[in-house]
């Protein structure tokens, strides 16, 4: 039979474990919500900018190494940047989802 002090220590140890689980779950949920918001923001911004044209008041708009940012290519550059950012968001979201699913699986199995 355990003494009162040992029982209290065990209760405190278990409650700390539960608190850590809930803190991790809140962190993962907060990260998923913020990344989902960023992904939606990127999608909406990409849909609202079907074609971006840069106009310049300077006469040298097509020179000085700005071939890729010319008016004919600007839309492609913007779409490429949005696609890259969307890929980053999807990757981070999938990693967080995998961690969340693993946490739930451990919780269902009763493992710490």
PDB file of N, CA and C in Angstrom:
ATOM      1  N   UNK A   1       0.844  -1.177   0.000  1.00  0.00           N
ATOM      2  CA  UNK A   1       0.000   0.000   0.000  1.00  0.00           C
ATOM      3  C   UNK A   1       0.891   1.242   0.000  1.00  0.00           C
ATOM      4  N   UNK A   2       0.534   2.191  -0.825  1.00  0.00           N
ATOM      5  CA  UNK A   2       1.307   3.427  -0.940  1.00  0.00           C
ATOM      6  C   UNK A   2       0.924   4.396   0.169  1.00  0.00           C
ATOM      7  N   UNK A   3       1.891   5.191   0.544  1.00  0.00           N
ATOM      8  CA  UNK A   3       1.609   6.215   1.545  1.00  0.00           C
ATOM      9  C   UNK A   3       0.867   7.380   0.894  1.00  0.00           C
ATOM     10  N   UNK A   4       0.391   8.270   1.732  1.00  0.00           N
ATOM     11  CA  UNK A   4      -0.349   9.437   1.242  1.00  0.00           C
ATOM     12  C   UNK A   4       0.533  10.306   0.353  1.00  0.00           C
ATOM     13  N   UNK A   5       1.785  10.475   0.740  1.00  0.00           N
ATOM     14  CA  UNK A   5       2.702  11.300  -0.057  1.00  0.00           C
ATOM     15  C   UNK A   5       2.947  10.689  -1.438  1.00  0.00           C
ATOM     16  N   UNK A   6       3.103   9.378  -1.489  1.00  0.00           N
ATOM     17  CA  UNK A   6       3.289   8.705  -2.778  1.00  0.00           C
ATOM     18  C   UNK A   6       2.045   8.827  -3.644  1.00  0.00           C
ATOM     19  N   UNK A   7       0.883   8.698  -3.033  1.00  0.00           N
ATOM     20  CA  UNK A   7      -0.370   8.830  -3.780  1.00  0.00           C
ATOM     21  C   UNK A   7      -0.528  10.245  -4.336  1.00  0.00           C
ATOM     22  N   UNK A   8      -0.209  11.248  -3.514  1.00  0.00           N
ATOM     23  CA  UNK A   8      -0.293  12.633  -3.980  1.00  0.00           C
ATOM     24  C   UNK A   8       0.699  12.897  -5.113  1.00  0.00           C
ATOM     25  N   UNK A   9       1.902  12.344  -4.974  1.00  0.00           N
ATOM     26  CA  UNK A   9       2.900  12.508  -6.038  1.00  0.00           C
ATOM     27  C   UNK A   9       2.414  11.870  -7.336  1.00  0.00           C
ATOM     28  N   UNK A  10       1.781  10.721  -7.260  1.00  0.00           N
ATOM     29  CA  UNK A  10       1.249  10.048  -8.448  1.00  0.00           C
ATOM     30  C   UNK A  10       0.109  10.863  -9.075  1.00  0.00           C
ATOM     31  N   UNK A  11      -0.746  11.422  -8.237  1.00  0.00           N
ATOM     32  CA  UNK A  11      -1.835  12.265  -8.740  1.00  0.00           C
ATOM     33  C   UNK A  11      -1.279  13.487  -9.456  1.00  0.00           C
ATOM     34  N   UNK A  12      -0.283  14.122  -8.844  1.00  0.00           N
ATOM     35  CA  UNK A  12       0.329  15.295  -9.481  1.00  0.00           C
ATOM     36  C   UNK A  12       1.015  14.933 -10.786  1.00  0.00           C
ATOM     37  N   UNK A  13       1.688  13.793 -10.831  1.00  0.00           N
ATOM     38  CA  UNK A  13       2.370  13.363 -12.059  1.00  0.00           C
ATOM     39  C   UNK A  13       1.357  13.117 -13.177  1.00  0.00           C
ATOM     40  N   UNK A  14       0.264  12.457 -12.850  1.00  0.00           N
ATOM     41  CA  UNK A  14      -0.761  12.185 -13.864  1.00  0.00           C
ATOM     42  C   UNK A  14      -1.453  13.467 -14.323  1.00  0.00           C
ATOM     43  N   UNK A  15      -1.719  14.373 -13.391  1.00  0.00           N
ATOM     44  CA  UNK A  15      -2.379  15.627 -13.786  1.00  0.00           C
ATOM     45  C   UNK A  15      -1.451  16.467 -14.662  1.00  0.00           C
ATOM     46  N   UNK A  16      -0.149  16.436 -14.389  1.00  0.00           N
ATOM     47  CA  UNK A  16       0.796  17.148 -15.257  1.00  0.00           C
ATOM     48  C   UNK A  16       0.797  16.555 -16.661  1.00  0.00           C
ATOM     49  N   UNK A  17       0.698  15.231 -16.744  1.00  0.00           N
ATOM     50  CA  UNK A  17       0.635  14.576 -18.055  1.00  0.00           C
ATOM     51  C   UNK A  17      -0.610  14.986 -18.829  1.00  0.00           C
ATOM     52  N   UNK A  18      -1.740  15.067 -18.129  1.00  0.00           N
ATOM     53  CA  UNK A  18      -2.986  15.486 -18.784  1.00  0.00           C
ATOM     54  C   UNK A  18      -2.887  16.939 -19.228  1.00  0.00           C
ATOM     55  N   UNK A  19      -2.305  17.795 -18.395  1.00  0.00           N
ATOM     56  CA  UNK A  19      -2.141  19.204 -18.764  1.00  0.00           C
ATOM     57  C   UNK A  19      -1.251  19.352 -19.994  1.00  0.00           C
ATOM     58  N   UNK A  20      -0.174  18.556 -20.063  1.00  0.00           N
ATOM     59  CA  UNK A  20       0.718  18.614 -21.227  1.00  0.00           C
ATOM     60  C   UNK A  20      -0.006  18.167 -22.490  1.00  0.00           C
ATOM     61  N   UNK A  21      -0.828  17.124 -22.379  1.00  0.00           N
ATOM     62  CA  UNK A  21      -1.592  16.665 -23.544  1.00  0.00           C
ATOM     63  C   UNK A  21      -2.531  17.753 -24.048  1.00  0.00           C
ATOM     64  N   UNK A  22      -3.235  18.395 -23.135  1.00  0.00           N
ATOM     65  CA  UNK A  22      -4.170  19.441 -23.541  1.00  0.00           C
ATOM     66  C   UNK A  22      -3.445  20.651 -24.110  1.00  0.00           C
ATOM     67  N   UNK A  23      -2.289  20.985 -23.559  1.00  0.00           N
ATOM     68  CA  UNK A  23      -1.511  22.109 -24.098  1.00  0.00           C
ATOM     69  C   UNK A  23      -1.032  21.792 -25.506  1.00  0.00           C
ATOM     70  N   UNK A  24      -0.578  20.562 -25.726  1.00  0.00           N
ATOM     71  CA  UNK A  24      -0.148  20.167 -27.069  1.00  0.00           C
ATOM     72  C   UNK A  24      -1.321  20.178 -28.041  1.00  0.00           C
ATOM     73  N   UNK A  25      -2.461  19.701 -27.589  1.00  0.00           N
ATOM     74  CA  UNK A  25      -3.646  19.686 -28.454  1.00  0.00           C
ATOM     75  C   UNK A  25      -4.076  21.117 -28.811  1.00  0.00           C
ATOM     76  N   UNK A  26      -4.040  22.030 -27.835  1.00  0.00           N
ATOM     77  CA  UNK A  26      -4.387  23.429 -28.122  1.00  0.00           C
ATOM     78  C   UNK A  26      -3.405  24.051 -29.099  1.00  0.00           C
ATOM     79  N   UNK A  27      -2.120  23.739 -28.951  1.00  0.00           N
ATOM     80  CA  UNK A  27      -1.106  24.281 -29.851  1.00  0.00           C
ATOM     81  C   UNK A  27      -1.321  23.774 -31.273  1.00  0.00           C
ATOM     82  N   UNK A  28      -1.570  22.487 -31.414  1.00  0.00           N
ATOM     83  CA  UNK A  28      -1.789  21.920 -32.744  1.00  0.00           C
ATOM     84  C   UNK A  28      -3.049  22.497 -33.365  1.00  0.00           C
ATOM     85  N   UNK A  29      -4.107  22.629 -32.587  1.00  0.00           N
ATOM     86  CA  UNK A  29      -5.352  23.205 -33.106  1.00  0.00           C
ATOM     87  C   UNK A  29      -5.148  24.650 -33.526  1.00  0.00           C
ATOM     88  N   UNK A  30      -4.438  25.419 -32.714  1.00  0.00           N
ATOM     89  CA  UNK A  30      -4.168  26.821 -33.058  1.00  0.00           C
ATOM     90  C   UNK A  30      -3.340  26.920 -34.342  1.00  0.00           C
ATOM     91  N   UNK A  31      -2.347  26.055 -34.473  1.00  0.00           N
ATOM     92  CA  UNK A  31      -1.528  26.062 -35.685  1.00  0.00           C
ATOM     93  C   UNK A  31      -2.346  25.683 -36.918  1.00  0.00           C
ATOM     94  N   UNK A  32      -3.198  24.686 -36.771  1.00  0.00           N
ATOM     95  CA  UNK A  32      -4.025  24.270 -37.908  1.00  0.00           C
ATOM     96  C   UNK A  32      -4.990  25.370 -38.326  1.00  0.00           C
ATOM     97  N   UNK A  33      -5.573  26.045 -37.370  1.00  0.00           N
ATOM     98  CA  UNK A  33      -6.502  27.129 -37.692  1.00  0.00           C
ATOM     99  C   UNK A  33      -5.782  28.274 -38.391  1.00  0.00           C
ATOM    100  N   UNK A  34      -4.618  28.649 -37.879  1.00  0.00           N
ATOM    101  CA  UNK A  34      -3.897  29.765 -38.505  1.00  0.00           C
ATOM    102  C   UNK A  34      -3.396  29.405 -39.890  1.00  0.00           C
ATOM    103  N   UNK A  35      -2.920  28.178 -40.077  1.00  0.00           N
ATOM    104  CA  UNK A  35      -2.473  27.772 -41.405  1.00  0.00           C
ATOM    105  C   UNK A  35      -3.645  27.637 -42.374  1.00  0.00           C
ATOM    106  N   UNK A  36      -4.776  27.176 -41.886  1.00  0.00           N
ATOM    107  CA  UNK A  36      -5.956  27.103 -42.745  1.00  0.00           C
ATOM    108  C   UNK A  36      -6.390  28.499 -43.182  1.00  0.00           C
ATOM    109  N   UNK A  37      -6.329  29.444 -42.249  1.00  0.00           N
ATOM    110  CA  UNK A  37      -6.668  30.817 -42.593  1.00  0.00           C
ATOM    111  C   UNK A  37      -5.719  31.364 -43.657  1.00  0.00           C
ATOM    112  N   UNK A  38      -4.429  31.079 -43.517  1.00  0.00           N
ATOM    113  CA  UNK A  38      -3.456  31.543 -44.514  1.00  0.00           C
ATOM    114  C   UNK A  38      -3.712  30.903 -45.874  1.00  0.00           C
ATOM    115  N   UNK A  39      -4.045  29.614 -45.876  1.00  0.00           N
ATOM    116  CA  UNK A  39      -4.324  28.938 -47.142  1.00  0.00           C
ATOM    117  C   UNK A  39      -5.560  29.534 -47.821  1.00  0.00           C
ATOM    118  N   UNK A  40      -6.596  29.802 -47.047  1.00  0.00           N
ATOM    119  CA  UNK A  40      -7.804  30.411 -47.609  1.00  0.00           C
ATOM    120  C   UNK A  40      -7.501  31.818 -48.117  1.00  0.00           C
ATOM    121  N   UNK A  41      -6.712  32.563 -47.368  1.00  0.00           N
ATOM    122  CA  UNK A  41      -6.324  33.905 -47.796  1.00  0.00           C
ATOM    123  C   UNK A  41      -5.544  33.862 -49.108  1.00  0.00           C
ATOM    124  N   UNK A  42      -4.624  32.916 -49.232  1.00  0.00           N
ATOM    125  CA  UNK A  42      -3.884  32.768 -50.484  1.00  0.00           C
ATOM    126  C   UNK A  42      -4.814  32.396 -51.643  1.00  0.00           C
ATOM    127  N   UNK A  43      -5.748  31.507 -51.389  1.00  0.00           N
ATOM    128  CA  UNK A  43      -6.676  31.091 -52.431  1.00  0.00           C
ATOM    129  C   UNK A  43      -7.549  32.253 -52.885  1.00  0.00           C
ATOM    130  N   UNK A  44      -8.082  32.991 -51.940  1.00  0.00           N
ATOM    131  CA  UNK A  44      -8.942  34.131 -52.287  1.00  0.00           C
ATOM    132  C   UNK A  44      -8.146  35.195 -53.036  1.00  0.00           C
ATOM    133  N   UNK A  45      -6.920  35.458 -52.569  1.00  0.00           N
ATOM    134  CA  UNK A  45      -6.089  36.446 -53.245  1.00  0.00           C
ATOM    135  C   UNK A  45      -5.753  35.984 -54.654  1.00  0.00           C
ATOM    136  N   UNK A  46      -5.467  34.711 -54.819  1.00  0.00           N
ATOM    137  CA  UNK A  46      -5.174  34.181 -56.154  1.00  0.00           C
ATOM    138  C   UNK A  46      -6.368  34.259 -57.082  1.00  0.00           C
ATOM    139  N   UNK A  47      -7.560  34.074 -56.536  1.00  0.00           N
ATOM    140  CA  UNK A  47      -8.753  34.158 -57.373  1.00  0.00           C
ATOM    141  C   UNK A  47      -9.130  35.599 -57.705  1.00  0.00           C
ATOM    142  N   UNK A  48      -8.796  36.516 -56.816  1.00  0.00           N
ATOM    143  CA  UNK A  48      -9.138  37.910 -57.061  1.00  0.00           C
ATOM    144  C   UNK A  48      -8.163  38.605 -57.999  1.00  0.00           C
ATOM    145  N   UNK A  49      -7.020  38.023 -58.217  1.00  0.00           N
ATOM    146  CA  UNK A  49      -6.037  38.620 -59.110  1.00  0.00           C
ATOM    147  C   UNK A  49      -5.881  37.719 -60.334  1.00  0.00           C
ATOM    148  N   UNK A  50      -6.822  37.763 -61.251  1.00  0.00           N
ATOM    149  CA  UNK A  50      -6.698  36.891 -62.424  1.00  0.00           C
ATOM    150  C   UNK A  50      -5.542  37.299 -63.332  1.00  0.00           C
ATOM    151  N   UNK A  51      -5.269  38.568 -63.375  1.00  0.00           N
ATOM    152  CA  UNK A  51      -4.168  39.031 -64.210  1.00  0.00           C
ATOM    153  C   UNK A  51      -3.631  40.326 -63.604  1.00  0.00           C
ATOM    154  N   UNK A  52      -2.373  40.314 -63.330  1.00  0.00           N
ATOM    155  CA  UNK A  52      -1.744  41.486 -62.745  1.00  0.00           C
ATOM    156  C   UNK A  52      -0.882  42.129 -63.817  1.00  0.00           C
ATOM    157  N   UNK A  53      -1.097  43.407 -64.026  1.00  0.00           N
ATOM    158  CA  UNK A  53      -0.303  44.133 -64.999  1.00  0.00           C
ATOM    159  C   UNK A  53       0.436  45.236 -64.282  1.00  0.00           C
ATOM    160  N   UNK A  54       1.700  45.327 -64.576  1.00  0.00           N
ATOM    161  CA  UNK A  54       2.498  46.390 -63.980  1.00  0.00           C
ATOM    162  C   UNK A  54       2.646  47.501 -65.008  1.00  0.00           C
ATOM    163  N   UNK A  55       2.320  48.672 -64.611  1.00  0.00           N
ATOM    164  CA  UNK A  55       2.519  49.816 -65.487  1.00  0.00           C
ATOM    165  C   UNK A  55       3.570  50.711 -64.862  1.00  0.00           C
ATOM    166  N   UNK A  56       4.337  51.317 -65.679  1.00  0.00           N
ATOM    167  CA  UNK A  56       5.422  52.138 -65.184  1.00  0.00           C
ATOM    168  C   UNK A  56       5.392  53.478 -65.888  1.00  0.00           C
ATOM    169  N   UNK A  57       5.754  54.513 -65.149  1.00  0.00           N
ATOM    170  CA  UNK A  57       5.810  55.838 -65.747  1.00  0.00           C
ATOM    171  C   UNK A  57       7.180  56.105 -66.348  1.00  0.00           C
ATOM    172  N   UNK A  58       8.105  55.157 -66.159  1.00  0.00           N
ATOM    173  CA  UNK A  58       9.442  55.329 -66.703  1.00  0.00           C
ATOM    174  C   UNK A  58       9.500  54.779 -68.124  1.00  0.00           C
ATOM    175  N   UNK A  59      10.373  55.329 -68.914  1.00  0.00           N
ATOM    176  CA  UNK A  59      10.526  54.867 -70.288  1.00  0.00           C
ATOM    177  C   UNK A  59      11.351  53.604 -70.400  1.00  0.00           C
ATOM    178  N   UNK A  60      11.986  53.188 -69.330  1.00  0.00           N
ATOM    179  CA  UNK A  60      12.855  52.018 -69.372  1.00  0.00           C
ATOM    180  C   UNK A  60      12.225  50.835 -68.655  1.00  0.00           C
ATOM    181  N   UNK A  61      10.936  50.634 -68.820  1.00  0.00           N
ATOM    182  CA  UNK A  61      10.242  49.562 -68.105  1.00  0.00           C
ATOM    183  C   UNK A  61      10.679  48.191 -68.584  1.00  0.00           C
ATOM    184  N   UNK A  62      11.086  48.061 -69.835  1.00  0.00           N
ATOM    185  CA  UNK A  62      11.452  46.752 -70.357  1.00  0.00           C
ATOM    186  C   UNK A  62      12.937  46.462 -70.286  1.00  0.00           C
ATOM    187  N   UNK A  63      13.722  47.325 -69.698  1.00  0.00           N
ATOM    188  CA  UNK A  63      15.164  47.103 -69.650  1.00  0.00           C
ATOM    189  C   UNK A  63      15.639  46.923 -68.224  1.00  0.00           C
ATOM    190  N   UNK A  64      16.936  46.916 -68.048  1.00  0.00           N
ATOM    191  CA  UNK A  64      17.582  46.770 -66.744  1.00  0.00           C
ATOM    192  C   UNK A  64      17.228  45.455 -66.061  1.00  0.00           C
ATOM    193  N   UNK A  65      17.189  44.372 -66.796  1.00  0.00           N
ATOM    194  CA  UNK A  65      16.995  43.051 -66.207  1.00  0.00           C
ATOM    195  C   UNK A  65      15.587  42.763 -65.738  1.00  0.00           C
ATOM    196  N   UNK A  66      14.627  43.535 -66.171  1.00  0.00           N
ATOM    197  CA  UNK A  66      13.253  43.294 -65.717  1.00  0.00           C
ATOM    198  C   UNK A  66      12.464  42.504 -66.750  1.00  0.00           C
ATOM    199  N   UNK A  67      13.139  41.609 -67.440  1.00  0.00           N
ATOM    200  CA  UNK A  67      12.468  40.803 -68.461  1.00  0.00           C
ATOM    201  C   UNK A  67      11.390  39.915 -67.837  1.00  0.00           C
ATOM    202  N   UNK A  68      11.701  39.325 -66.686  1.00  0.00           N
ATOM    203  CA  UNK A  68      10.735  38.423 -66.059  1.00  0.00           C
ATOM    204  C   UNK A  68       9.566  39.182 -65.434  1.00  0.00           C
ATOM    205  N   UNK A  69       9.752  40.448 -65.133  1.00  0.00           N
ATOM    206  CA  UNK A  69       8.671  41.233 -64.546  1.00  0.00           C
ATOM    207  C   UNK A  69       8.014  42.154 -65.565  1.00  0.00           C
ATOM    208  N   UNK A  70       8.158  41.838 -66.814  1.00  0.00           N
ATOM    209  CA  UNK A  70       7.476  42.616 -67.845  1.00  0.00           C
ATOM    210  C   UNK A  70       5.979  42.402 -67.764  1.00  0.00           C
ATOM    211  N   UNK A  71       5.207  43.220 -68.437  1.00  0.00           N
ATOM    212  CA  UNK A  71       3.752  43.155 -68.318  1.00  0.00           C
ATOM    213  C   UNK A  71       3.187  41.834 -68.806  1.00  0.00           C
ATOM    214  N   UNK A  72       3.853  41.171 -69.735  1.00  0.00           N
ATOM    215  CA  UNK A  72       3.331  39.908 -70.256  1.00  0.00           C
ATOM    216  C   UNK A  72       3.574  38.750 -69.292  1.00  0.00           C
ATOM    217  N   UNK A  73       4.574  38.857 -68.417  1.00  0.00           N
ATOM    218  CA  UNK A  73       4.942  37.738 -67.557  1.00  0.00           C
ATOM    219  C   UNK A  73       4.559  37.919 -66.097  1.00  0.00           C
ATOM    220  N   UNK A  74       4.078  39.057 -65.724  1.00  0.00           N
ATOM    221  CA  UNK A  74       3.802  39.338 -64.321  1.00  0.00           C
ATOM    222  C   UNK A  74       2.761  38.387 -63.739  1.00  0.00           C
ATOM    223  N   UNK A  75       1.730  38.102 -64.488  1.00  0.00           N
ATOM    224  CA  UNK A  75       0.695  37.183 -64.014  1.00  0.00           C
ATOM    225  C   UNK A  75       1.246  35.809 -63.711  1.00  0.00           C
ATOM    226  N   UNK A  76       2.151  35.334 -64.574  1.00  0.00           N
ATOM    227  CA  UNK A  76       2.753  34.023 -64.353  1.00  0.00           C
ATOM    228  C   UNK A  76       3.638  34.017 -63.104  1.00  0.00           C
ATOM    229  N   UNK A  77       4.354  35.098 -62.888  1.00  0.00           N
ATOM    230  CA  UNK A  77       5.209  35.189 -61.697  1.00  0.00           C
ATOM    231  C   UNK A  77       4.354  35.187 -60.438  1.00  0.00           C
ATOM    232  N   UNK A  78       3.280  35.949 -60.434  1.00  0.00           N
ATOM    233  CA  UNK A  78       2.397  36.007 -59.259  1.00  0.00           C
ATOM    234  C   UNK A  78       1.765  34.642 -58.995  1.00  0.00           C
ATOM    235  N   UNK A  79       1.287  33.988 -60.034  1.00  0.00           N
ATOM    236  CA  UNK A  79       0.689  32.657 -59.869  1.00  0.00           C
ATOM    237  C   UNK A  79       1.732  31.668 -59.368  1.00  0.00           C
ATOM    238  N   UNK A  80       2.962  31.761 -59.856  1.00  0.00           N
ATOM    239  CA  UNK A  80       4.031  30.877 -59.379  1.00  0.00           C
ATOM    240  C   UNK A  80       4.333  31.080 -57.917  1.00  0.00           C
ATOM    241  N   UNK A  81       4.379  32.330 -57.483  1.00  0.00           N
ATOM    242  CA  UNK A  81       4.626  32.623 -56.065  1.00  0.00           C
ATOM    243  C   UNK A  81       3.477  32.103 -55.208  1.00  0.00           C
ATOM    244  N   UNK A  82       2.248  32.304 -55.649  1.00  0.00           N
ATOM    245  CA  UNK A  82       1.093  31.795 -54.895  1.00  0.00           C
ATOM    246  C   UNK A  82       1.094  30.274 -54.841  1.00  0.00           C
ATOM    247  N   UNK A  83       1.472  29.623 -55.937  1.00  0.00           N
ATOM    248  CA  UNK A  83       1.527  28.161 -55.939  1.00  0.00           C
ATOM    249  C   UNK A  83       2.590  27.660 -54.957  1.00  0.00           C
ATOM    250  N   UNK A  84       3.724  28.332 -54.919  1.00  0.00           N
ATOM    251  CA  UNK A  84       4.775  27.957 -53.974  1.00  0.00           C
ATOM    252  C   UNK A  84       4.295  28.121 -52.533  1.00  0.00           C
ATOM    253  N   UNK A  85       3.667  29.252 -52.229  1.00  0.00           N
ATOM    254  CA  UNK A  85       3.164  29.478 -50.874  1.00  0.00           C
ATOM    255  C   UNK A  85       2.062  28.488 -50.510  1.00  0.00           C
ATOM    256  N   UNK A  86       1.213  28.152 -51.475  1.00  0.00           N
ATOM    257  CA  UNK A  86       0.163  27.164 -51.212  1.00  0.00           C
ATOM    258  C   UNK A  86       0.784  25.793 -50.933  1.00  0.00           C
ATOM    259  N   UNK A  87       1.839  25.454 -51.650  1.00  0.00           N
ATOM    260  CA  UNK A  87       2.536  24.189 -51.394  1.00  0.00           C
ATOM    261  C   UNK A  87       3.123  24.132 -50.003  1.00  0.00           C
ATOM    262  N   UNK A  88       3.682  25.239 -49.557  1.00  0.00           N
ATOM    263  CA  UNK A  88       4.213  25.298 -48.192  1.00  0.00           C
ATOM    264  C   UNK A  88       3.092  25.103 -47.178  1.00  0.00           C
ATOM    265  N   UNK A  89       1.966  25.783 -47.397  1.00  0.00           N
ATOM    266  CA  UNK A  89       0.831  25.656 -46.472  1.00  0.00           C
ATOM    267  C   UNK A  89       0.316  24.225 -46.417  1.00  0.00           C
ATOM    268  N   UNK A  90       0.193  23.584 -47.559  1.00  0.00           N
ATOM    269  CA  UNK A  90      -0.312  22.208 -47.594  1.00  0.00           C
ATOM    270  C   UNK A  90       0.664  21.273 -46.881  1.00  0.00           C
ATOM    271  N   UNK A  91       1.956  21.472 -47.087  1.00  0.00           N
ATOM    272  CA  UNK A  91       2.952  20.625 -46.427  1.00  0.00           C
ATOM    273  C   UNK A  91       2.888  20.775 -44.916  1.00  0.00           C
ATOM    274  N   UNK A  92       2.844  21.998 -44.435  1.00  0.00           N
ATOM    275  CA  UNK A  92       2.801  22.223 -42.989  1.00  0.00           C
ATOM    276  C   UNK A  92       1.490  21.708 -42.405  1.00  0.00           C
ATOM    277  N   UNK A  93       0.386  21.924 -43.111  1.00  0.00           N
ATOM    278  CA  UNK A  93      -0.902  21.411 -42.626  1.00  0.00           C
ATOM    279  C   UNK A  93      -0.898  19.891 -42.545  1.00  0.00           C
ATOM    280  N   UNK A  94      -0.326  19.219 -43.529  1.00  0.00           N
ATOM    281  CA  UNK A  94      -0.303  17.758 -43.497  1.00  0.00           C
ATOM    282  C   UNK A  94       0.579  17.241 -42.369  1.00  0.00           C
ATOM    283  N   UNK A  95       1.686  17.916 -42.092  1.00  0.00           N
ATOM    284  CA  UNK A  95       2.530  17.506 -40.974  1.00  0.00           C
ATOM    285  C   UNK A  95       1.800  17.682 -39.643  1.00  0.00           C
ATOM    286  N   UNK A  96       1.109  18.800 -39.484  1.00  0.00           N
ATOM    287  CA  UNK A  96       0.366  19.018 -38.238  1.00  0.00           C
ATOM    288  C   UNK A  96      -0.787  18.031 -38.111  1.00  0.00           C
ATOM    289  N   UNK A  97      -1.429  17.713 -39.227  1.00  0.00           N
ATOM    290  CA  UNK A  97      -2.518  16.744 -39.184  1.00  0.00           C
ATOM    291  C   UNK A  97      -1.989  15.373 -38.773  1.00  0.00           C
ATOM    292  N   UNK A  98      -0.824  14.993 -39.284  1.00  0.00           N
ATOM    293  CA  UNK A  98      -0.230  13.702 -38.920  1.00  0.00           C
ATOM    294  C   UNK A  98       0.097  13.666 -37.427  1.00  0.00           C
ATOM    295  N   UNK A  99       0.647  14.757 -36.878  1.00  0.00           N
ATOM    296  CA  UNK A  99       0.936  14.809 -35.444  1.00  0.00           C
ATOM    297  C   UNK A  99      -0.352  14.717 -34.626  1.00  0.00           C
ATOM    298  N   UNK A 100      -1.383  15.423 -35.085  1.00  0.00           N
ATOM    299  CA  UNK A 100      -2.660  15.413 -34.371  1.00  0.00           C
ATOM    300  C   UNK A 100      -3.264  14.015 -34.386  1.00  0.00           C
ATOM    301  N   UNK A 101      -3.198  13.343 -35.534  1.00  0.00           N
ATOM    302  CA  UNK A 101      -3.750  11.994 -35.642  1.00  0.00           C
ATOM    303  C   UNK A 101      -2.958  11.012 -34.775  1.00  0.00           C
ATOM    304  N   UNK A 102      -1.641  11.174 -34.736  1.00  0.00           N
ATOM    305  CA  UNK A 102      -0.818  10.315 -33.901  1.00  0.00           C
ATOM    306  C   UNK A 102      -1.141  10.527 -32.422  1.00  0.00           C
ATOM    307  N   UNK A 103      -1.363  11.775 -32.034  1.00  0.00           N
ATOM    308  CA  UNK A 103      -1.725  12.070 -30.653  1.00  0.00           C
ATOM    309  C   UNK A 103      -3.062  11.421 -30.298  1.00  0.00           C
ATOM    310  N   UNK A 104      -4.026  11.508 -31.199  1.00  0.00           N
ATOM    311  CA  UNK A 104      -5.321  10.877 -30.950  1.00  0.00           C
ATOM    312  C   UNK A 104      -5.205   9.358 -30.878  1.00  0.00           C
ATOM    313  N   UNK A 105      -4.365   8.771 -31.722  1.00  0.00           N
ATOM    314  CA  UNK A 105      -4.185   7.320 -31.715  1.00  0.00           C
ATOM    315  C   UNK A 105      -3.559   6.871 -30.398  1.00  0.00           C
ATOM    316  N   UNK A 106      -2.571   7.618 -29.915  1.00  0.00           N
ATOM    317  CA  UNK A 106      -1.951   7.277 -28.638  1.00  0.00           C
ATOM    318  C   UNK A 106      -2.954   7.417 -27.494  1.00  0.00           C
ATOM    319  N   UNK A 107      -3.793   8.442 -27.583  1.00  0.00           N
ATOM    320  CA  UNK A 107      -4.791   8.654 -26.538  1.00  0.00           C
ATOM    321  C   UNK A 107      -5.812   7.541 -26.514  1.00  0.00           C
ATOM    322  N   UNK A 108      -6.216   7.052 -27.692  1.00  0.00           N
ATOM    323  CA  UNK A 108      -7.193   5.972 -27.763  1.00  0.00           C
ATOM    324  C   UNK A 108      -6.598   4.657 -27.255  1.00  0.00           C
ATOM    325  N   UNK A 109      -5.304   4.456 -27.528  1.00  0.00           N
ATOM    326  CA  UNK A 109      -4.654   3.221 -27.065  1.00  0.00           C
ATOM    327  C   UNK A 109      -4.346   3.271 -25.584  1.00  0.00           C
ATOM    328  N   UNK A 110      -4.383   4.447 -24.984  1.00  0.00           N
ATOM    329  CA  UNK A 110      -4.105   4.581 -23.566  1.00  0.00           C
ATOM    330  C   UNK A 110      -2.634   4.703 -23.248  1.00  0.00           C
ATOM    331  N   UNK A 111      -1.822   4.894 -24.281  1.00  0.00           N
ATOM    332  CA  UNK A 111      -0.386   5.076 -24.052  1.00  0.00           C
ATOM    333  C   UNK A 111      -0.091   6.525 -23.717  1.00  0.00           C
ATOM    334  N   UNK A 112       0.958   6.778 -22.944  1.00  0.00           N
ATOM    335  CA  UNK A 112       1.314   8.167 -22.611  1.00  0.00           C
ATOM    336  C   UNK A 112       1.975   8.875 -23.769  1.00  0.00           C
TER     337      UNK A 112
END
